[in-house]
Amino acid sequence: MTNEHAAETPRLGRETDDPCLVDMLDVARVAQQVETSAFRVPGAIRVVAPAKVNLFLDIGGKRPDGYHEAVSIMHALALHDTLLMRRTPGRGEGLSIQLTCRACEGTAPLDVAPEDNIVTKAIRLLARLTGRDAAEGVAVHVEKHIPSQAGLGGGSSDAAAALVGAARLWGLAADDPRIEEAARSLGADVAFFLHGGCACLTGVGDVFDHELAPMTSCVALVKPEGGVSTAAAYRAFDADPVRIPDADREAALAARDAADVPLRNNLVQASEELLPVLADVRAWAEASPDVEQALMSGSGSAVFACCPSFDAAARVAAQAQARGWWARATMFSSARAAVLPAR
């Protein structure tokens, strides 16, 4: 919710003649303004952190180092988190980080201490790589629209946005190789969000293979209650591996346009065993007349449904919400983690 929209909420509440609703909306509006008012200062920045889906995910055999070979084709979405960031005076020695987070639009609050949050880890890692040891501070406020444990890359995207934002605050060049180094150390998905759009990654899902022309078509995201641990999904996969046909793998690797990628994910069976409602969501989406194709993203627990129009995606999202599932209509995008222009 933007501040402009927040300012209108008391009027919406009064139209219902429900004083309790008015009070609740006023409390929410004031709370948001308190959280963000500290960032309405010169030098503060806004950074966008887009979600992603895996159009193609082929998990291969386990390597001696414990990782799995993988081919992953990821595509950014218009759905995004927003990070507000600014420099602050230092507290004691070294770098201090103040992190706050607000869950928006039905996303669950993050149950993780600020020091353990990947945003904090990203900023500290970039500080170490760039030799920043002065007593200085960074304040970050994360507005979460991407649900966690959904396979939508919310945490990784937030980390990439934090790296981009910290680099801007510290005067680093946007193409400073230490930003990419930090991203790769934090995870393959983090590095993807520095570039965004659509990309094919190989190795263990961490080696950039090639870029694909992104789509601008519409998609509905549907997530049931509960999540799937990535580690648990891989253990279930190892117990009963599912292989993607060679022809599909070759087609995915040969594709240079996102629209030509066959939608495949061989973690589906493992994740659906761990969270059976995922199979219900996928079957329901595939049966919808508004859906062209549907697939689980990553290790779950979100299913993305490709739709012919935004109206169709909105209908699917509304019907999913009526079933008690989190859902959003959005679009494929060429977005990446990036500082937004000053307003």
Protein backbone atom coordinates (compact mmCIF):
# COMPACT_ATOMS: atom_id res chain seq x y z
CA MET A 1 0.00 0.00 0.00
CA THR A 2 1.40 3.38 -0.97
CA ASN A 3 1.19 6.44 1.23
CA GLU A 4 -1.22 7.98 -1.27
CA HIS A 5 -3.58 5.03 -0.88
CA ALA A 6 -3.08 4.93 2.87
CA ALA A 7 -4.30 8.52 3.16
CA GLU A 8 -7.63 7.45 1.67
CA THR A 9 -8.35 4.57 4.03
CA PRO A 10 -10.35 6.49 6.68
CA ARG A 11 -12.83 7.54 3.95
CA LEU A 12 -13.26 3.92 2.91
CA GLY A 13 -13.86 2.93 6.49
CA ARG A 14 -16.49 5.62 7.11
CA GLU A 15 -18.44 4.48 4.09
CA THR A 16 -19.07 1.21 5.92
CA ASP A 17 -20.31 3.07 9.01
CA ASP A 18 -18.11 0.72 11.04
CA PRO A 19 -16.12 2.70 13.63
CA CYS A 20 -14.00 -0.36 14.45
CA LEU A 21 -12.90 -0.60 10.83
CA VAL A 22 -12.07 3.11 10.80
CA ASP A 23 -9.92 2.69 13.90
CA MET A 24 -8.11 -0.34 12.48
CA LEU A 25 -7.38 1.41 9.20
CA ASP A 26 -6.18 4.53 10.98
CA VAL A 27 -3.85 2.44 13.15
CA ALA A 28 -2.44 0.70 10.05
CA ARG A 29 -1.97 4.03 8.26
CA VAL A 30 -0.19 5.62 11.20
CA ALA A 31 2.00 2.54 11.71
CA GLN A 32 3.10 2.63 8.06
CA GLN A 33 3.88 6.32 8.21
CA VAL A 34 5.98 5.83 11.35
CA GLU A 35 7.92 3.00 9.68
CA THR A 36 8.67 4.95 6.50
CA SER A 37 8.93 8.56 7.72
CA ALA A 38 12.59 8.10 8.65
CA PHE A 39 13.35 7.44 4.97
CA ARG A 40 11.90 10.73 3.72
CA VAL A 41 15.29 12.40 3.97
CA PRO A 42 17.92 13.45 1.42
CA GLY A 43 20.04 10.50 0.33
CA ALA A 44 17.45 7.82 1.15
CA ILE A 45 16.72 5.42 -1.70
CA ARG A 46 14.03 2.95 -2.79
CA VAL A 47 15.09 -0.38 -4.31
CA VAL A 48 12.78 -2.78 -6.12
CA ALA A 49 13.15 -6.53 -5.52
CA PRO A 50 11.16 -8.58 -8.08
CA ALA A 51 9.83 -12.09 -7.65
CA LYS A 52 10.69 -14.92 -10.06
CA VAL A 53 9.38 -18.26 -11.25
CA ASN A 54 11.24 -21.22 -12.70
CA LEU A 55 9.98 -21.87 -16.21
CA PHE A 56 12.25 -24.90 -16.31
CA LEU A 57 13.98 -26.73 -13.47
CA ASP A 58 15.88 -29.96 -14.09
CA ILE A 59 17.62 -31.28 -11.01
CA GLY A 60 20.28 -33.83 -11.89
CA GLY A 61 22.51 -36.15 -9.94
CA LYS A 62 24.16 -35.38 -6.65
CA ARG A 63 27.81 -34.37 -6.89
CA PRO A 64 30.61 -35.38 -4.47
CA ASP A 65 30.36 -31.94 -2.82
CA GLY A 66 26.71 -32.62 -1.93
CA TYR A 67 25.21 -30.23 -4.50
CA HIS A 68 23.06 -31.32 -7.42
CA GLU A 69 23.66 -30.60 -11.08
CA ALA A 70 20.87 -28.36 -12.31
CA VAL A 71 19.50 -26.51 -15.30
CA SER A 72 17.26 -23.64 -14.24
CA ILE A 73 15.51 -21.07 -16.41
CA MET A 74 14.22 -18.26 -14.24
CA HIS A 75 11.94 -15.40 -15.23
CA ALA A 76 11.36 -12.20 -13.25
CA LEU A 77 7.86 -10.98 -12.42
CA ALA A 78 6.28 -7.58 -11.93
CA LEU A 79 5.34 -8.57 -8.35
CA HIS A 80 8.02 -7.16 -6.07
CA ASP A 81 9.16 -6.23 -2.58
CA THR A 82 10.45 -2.71 -1.91
CA LEU A 83 13.47 -1.82 0.24
CA LEU A 84 13.85 1.66 1.71
CA MET A 85 17.47 2.36 2.60
CA ARG A 86 19.53 5.20 4.07
CA ARG A 87 22.84 5.77 5.78
CA THR A 88 22.81 6.40 9.54
CA PRO A 89 25.40 7.41 12.15
CA GLY A 90 27.48 4.52 13.43
CA ARG A 91 26.84 2.82 16.76
CA GLY A 92 30.08 1.83 18.40
CA GLU A 93 32.67 0.15 16.19
CA GLY A 94 32.16 -1.20 12.70
CA LEU A 95 28.99 -1.39 10.66
CA SER A 96 25.59 -1.28 12.36
CA ILE A 97 22.41 -2.29 10.52
CA GLN A 98 18.86 -1.42 11.54
CA LEU A 99 16.35 -3.68 9.78
CA THR A 100 12.55 -3.48 9.94
CA CYS A 101 10.03 -5.37 7.85
CA ARG A 102 6.31 -5.03 7.15
CA ALA A 103 4.25 -7.86 5.68
CA CYS A 104 1.80 -6.59 3.05
CA GLU A 105 -1.19 -7.99 1.17
CA GLY A 106 -1.66 -11.17 3.15
CA THR A 107 1.97 -12.28 3.32
CA ALA A 108 2.98 -13.81 6.63
CA PRO A 109 5.39 -11.86 8.88
CA LEU A 110 8.95 -13.15 8.71
CA ASP A 111 9.89 -15.24 11.73
CA VAL A 112 13.61 -14.51 11.67
CA ALA A 113 15.82 -12.25 13.76
CA PRO A 114 17.17 -9.16 11.95
CA GLU A 115 20.78 -10.37 12.29
CA ASP A 116 19.84 -13.68 10.63
CA ASN A 117 17.94 -12.06 7.77
CA ILE A 118 19.59 -12.46 4.38
CA VAL A 119 19.31 -8.69 3.83
CA THR A 120 21.54 -8.05 6.84
CA LYS A 121 23.93 -10.79 5.74
CA ALA A 122 24.16 -9.32 2.24
CA ILE A 123 25.05 -5.83 3.46
CA ARG A 124 27.65 -7.14 5.91
CA LEU A 125 29.22 -9.34 3.22
CA LEU A 126 29.54 -6.44 0.78
CA ALA A 127 31.05 -4.31 3.55
CA ARG A 128 33.70 -6.98 4.19
CA LEU A 129 34.49 -7.39 0.51
CA THR A 130 34.92 -3.63 0.08
CA GLY A 131 36.92 -3.17 3.28
CA ARG A 132 34.41 -0.95 5.05
CA ASP A 133 35.20 -1.13 8.75
CA ALA A 134 34.39 2.42 9.84
CA ALA A 135 31.76 3.12 12.47
CA GLU A 136 28.79 3.74 10.20
CA GLY A 137 25.25 2.51 9.85
CA VAL A 138 22.61 1.50 7.32
CA ALA A 139 18.87 1.50 8.00
CA VAL A 140 16.66 -0.76 5.88
CA HIS A 141 12.88 -1.13 5.80
CA VAL A 142 11.50 -4.04 3.74
CA GLU A 143 7.92 -3.99 2.49
CA LYS A 144 7.12 -7.64 1.75
CA HIS A 145 4.69 -8.51 -1.03
CA ILE A 146 6.39 -11.79 -2.01
CA PRO A 147 5.45 -14.66 0.33
CA SER A 148 8.24 -16.74 1.86
CA GLN A 149 8.74 -20.47 1.23
CA ALA A 150 6.93 -20.09 -2.08
CA GLY A 151 9.66 -20.73 -4.65
CA LEU A 152 9.29 -17.11 -5.79
CA GLY A 153 12.74 -15.98 -4.69
CA GLY A 154 11.62 -13.27 -2.26
CA GLY A 155 14.53 -13.58 0.15
CA SER A 156 17.11 -13.86 -2.62
CA SER A 157 15.67 -10.85 -4.43
CA ASP A 158 15.69 -8.81 -1.22
CA ALA A 159 19.36 -9.73 -0.77
CA ALA A 160 20.19 -8.63 -4.31
CA ALA A 161 18.30 -5.37 -3.75
CA ALA A 162 20.19 -4.83 -0.49
CA LEU A 163 23.51 -5.26 -2.33
CA VAL A 164 22.45 -2.84 -5.07
CA GLY A 165 21.18 -0.34 -2.50
CA ALA A 166 24.23 -0.55 -0.25
CA ALA A 167 26.49 -0.08 -3.29
CA ARG A 168 24.58 3.08 -4.21
CA LEU A 169 24.73 4.43 -0.65
CA TRP A 170 28.47 3.79 -0.48
CA GLY A 171 29.25 5.27 -3.89
CA LEU A 172 30.31 2.02 -5.55
CA ALA A 173 30.00 1.66 -9.31
CA ALA A 174 26.92 -0.30 -10.37
CA ASP A 175 29.17 -2.82 -12.16
CA ASP A 176 31.65 -3.23 -9.30
CA PRO A 177 32.57 -6.96 -9.49
CA ARG A 178 32.39 -7.28 -5.71
CA ILE A 179 28.60 -6.88 -5.88
CA GLU A 180 28.37 -9.96 -8.13
CA GLU A 181 30.89 -11.79 -5.94
CA ALA A 182 28.75 -11.16 -2.87
CA ALA A 183 25.60 -12.24 -4.70
CA ARG A 184 27.12 -15.53 -5.83
CA SER A 185 28.34 -16.23 -2.30
CA LEU A 186 24.81 -15.78 -1.00
CA GLY A 187 23.16 -18.03 -3.59
CA ALA A 188 22.50 -18.62 -7.28
CA ASP A 189 19.10 -16.93 -7.16
CA VAL A 190 20.66 -13.80 -5.65
CA ALA A 191 23.02 -13.44 -8.60
CA PHE A 192 20.10 -13.87 -11.04
CA PHE A 193 18.27 -10.89 -9.56
CA LEU A 194 21.20 -8.58 -10.33
CA HIS A 195 20.37 -9.14 -14.01
CA GLY A 196 16.66 -10.06 -13.95
CA GLY A 197 14.62 -10.68 -17.06
CA CYS A 198 14.94 -14.32 -18.10
CA ALA A 199 18.12 -16.37 -17.86
CA CYS A 200 19.32 -19.95 -18.11
CA LEU A 201 21.63 -21.12 -15.34
CA THR A 202 23.62 -24.37 -15.33
CA GLY A 203 26.24 -25.97 -13.08
CA VAL A 204 24.45 -26.29 -9.75
CA GLY A 205 22.11 -23.53 -10.88
CA ASP A 206 24.79 -20.89 -10.31
CA VAL A 207 26.51 -20.53 -13.70
CA PHE A 208 25.04 -18.05 -16.18
CA ASP A 209 24.60 -19.85 -19.50
CA HIS A 210 22.59 -17.45 -21.62
CA GLU A 211 19.94 -14.76 -21.55
CA LEU A 212 16.50 -15.29 -23.07
CA ALA A 213 14.14 -12.67 -24.48
CA PRO A 214 11.63 -12.11 -21.65
CA MET A 215 7.86 -12.37 -21.94
CA THR A 216 5.29 -9.74 -21.03
CA SER A 217 2.34 -12.12 -20.74
CA CYS A 218 0.14 -12.49 -17.66
CA VAL A 219 0.30 -14.96 -14.83
CA ALA A 220 -1.62 -15.83 -11.68
CA LEU A 221 0.32 -16.94 -8.61
CA VAL A 222 -1.40 -19.27 -6.14
CA LYS A 223 0.06 -20.42 -2.84
CA PRO A 224 -1.71 -22.62 -0.30
CA GLU A 225 -1.04 -22.36 3.40
CA GLY A 226 2.24 -23.92 4.43
CA GLY A 227 5.64 -24.09 2.80
CA VAL A 228 8.17 -26.60 1.56
CA SER A 229 11.71 -26.72 2.88
CA THR A 230 14.11 -26.79 -0.05
CA ALA A 231 16.40 -29.20 1.82
CA ALA A 232 13.46 -31.53 2.52
CA ALA A 233 12.37 -31.38 -1.12
CA TYR A 234 15.86 -32.41 -2.27
CA ARG A 235 15.94 -35.29 0.22
CA ALA A 236 12.58 -36.52 -1.07
CA PHE A 237 13.83 -36.14 -4.64
CA ASP A 238 16.98 -38.16 -3.90
CA ALA A 239 14.83 -40.93 -2.45
CA ASP A 240 12.81 -41.18 -5.68
CA PRO A 241 14.40 -39.16 -8.51
CA VAL A 242 12.28 -38.03 -11.45
CA ARG A 243 14.08 -37.40 -14.73
CA ILE A 244 13.06 -34.89 -17.38
CA PRO A 245 13.13 -36.30 -20.94
CA ASP A 246 16.28 -35.44 -22.90
CA ALA A 247 14.22 -33.82 -25.66
CA ASP A 248 12.69 -31.34 -23.18
CA ARG A 249 16.08 -30.56 -21.67
CA GLU A 250 17.57 -29.96 -25.13
CA ALA A 251 14.64 -27.72 -26.10
CA ALA A 252 15.05 -25.68 -22.93
CA LEU A 253 18.78 -25.23 -23.43
CA ALA A 254 18.27 -24.27 -27.07
CA ALA A 255 15.52 -21.70 -26.37
CA ARG A 256 16.45 -18.06 -26.80
CA ASP A 257 12.96 -16.73 -26.15
CA ALA A 258 11.20 -17.33 -22.84
CA ALA A 259 7.98 -18.17 -24.68
CA ASP A 260 9.73 -21.19 -26.27
CA VAL A 261 10.77 -22.82 -22.98
CA PRO A 262 8.89 -26.04 -22.14
CA LEU A 263 7.43 -25.71 -18.63
CA ARG A 264 8.98 -28.53 -16.62
CA ASN A 265 10.02 -29.03 -12.99
CA ASN A 266 11.19 -32.40 -11.71
CA LEU A 267 10.87 -31.35 -8.06
CA VAL A 268 7.08 -31.34 -8.35
CA GLN A 269 6.59 -34.93 -7.21
CA ALA A 270 8.88 -34.54 -4.20
CA SER A 271 7.28 -31.28 -3.05
CA GLU A 272 3.74 -32.57 -3.54
CA GLU A 273 4.59 -35.55 -1.35
CA LEU A 274 5.70 -33.16 1.39
CA LEU A 275 2.73 -30.79 0.95
CA PRO A 276 -0.13 -32.72 -0.71
CA VAL A 277 -2.33 -29.64 -1.12
CA LEU A 278 0.14 -28.52 -3.80
CA ALA A 279 -1.21 -31.25 -6.08
CA ASP A 280 -4.73 -29.94 -5.47
CA VAL A 281 -3.68 -26.38 -6.37
CA ARG A 282 -1.92 -27.49 -9.54
CA ALA A 283 -4.82 -29.69 -10.67
CA TRP A 284 -7.31 -26.89 -9.92
CA ALA A 285 -5.25 -24.36 -11.92
CA GLU A 286 -4.80 -26.72 -14.87
CA ALA A 287 -8.57 -27.29 -15.00
CA SER A 288 -9.40 -23.57 -15.14
CA PRO A 289 -10.62 -22.34 -18.54
CA ASP A 290 -8.60 -19.15 -17.92
CA VAL A 291 -5.30 -21.04 -17.60
CA GLU A 292 -3.11 -22.11 -20.52
CA GLN A 293 -0.41 -23.90 -18.50
CA ALA A 294 0.42 -24.22 -14.79
CA LEU A 295 3.54 -25.32 -12.93
CA MET A 296 5.01 -25.21 -9.44
CA SER A 297 7.93 -22.79 -9.09
CA GLY A 298 11.19 -23.94 -7.55
CA SER A 299 10.59 -26.35 -4.68
CA GLY A 300 7.22 -24.68 -3.99
CA SER A 301 4.86 -23.90 -2.54
CA ALA A 302 3.54 -21.47 -5.17
CA VAL A 303 2.01 -22.55 -8.47
CA PHE A 304 2.09 -20.11 -11.40
CA ALA A 305 -0.66 -20.21 -13.99
CA CYS A 306 -0.04 -18.67 -17.42
CA CYS A 307 -3.12 -16.79 -18.64
CA PRO A 308 -4.07 -15.16 -21.97
CA SER A 309 -4.90 -11.78 -20.40
CA PHE A 310 -4.63 -9.85 -17.17
CA ASP A 311 -8.40 -10.13 -16.71
CA ALA A 312 -8.09 -13.91 -16.91
CA ALA A 313 -5.23 -13.89 -14.39
CA ALA A 314 -7.27 -11.67 -12.07
CA ARG A 315 -10.22 -14.09 -12.27
CA VAL A 316 -7.98 -17.03 -11.40
CA ALA A 317 -6.46 -15.11 -8.47
CA ALA A 318 -9.90 -14.11 -7.15
CA GLN A 319 -11.19 -17.68 -7.40
CA ALA A 320 -8.09 -18.98 -5.61
CA GLN A 321 -8.51 -16.42 -2.82
CA ALA A 322 -12.14 -17.55 -2.41
CA ARG A 323 -10.72 -21.02 -1.68
CA GLY A 324 -8.55 -19.57 1.08
CA TRP A 325 -5.29 -19.57 -0.87
CA TRP A 326 -2.92 -16.61 -1.22
CA ALA A 327 -3.06 -15.47 -4.84
CA ARG A 328 -2.01 -12.53 -7.02
CA ALA A 329 -2.38 -11.58 -10.67
CA THR A 330 0.81 -10.20 -12.19
CA MET A 331 2.94 -10.28 -15.34
CA PHE A 332 6.24 -11.64 -16.53
CA SER A 333 8.79 -8.85 -16.54
CA SER A 334 12.30 -7.83 -17.50
CA ALA A 335 12.77 -6.32 -14.02
CA ARG A 336 15.87 -6.73 -11.86
CA ALA A 337 16.94 -5.51 -8.43
CA ALA A 338 17.36 -1.78 -9.04
CA VAL A 339 17.30 1.61 -7.36
CA LEU A 340 14.13 3.49 -8.32
CA PRO A 341 14.33 7.10 -9.50
CA ALA A 342 13.82 9.71 -6.75
CA ARG A 343 10.25 10.98 -6.45
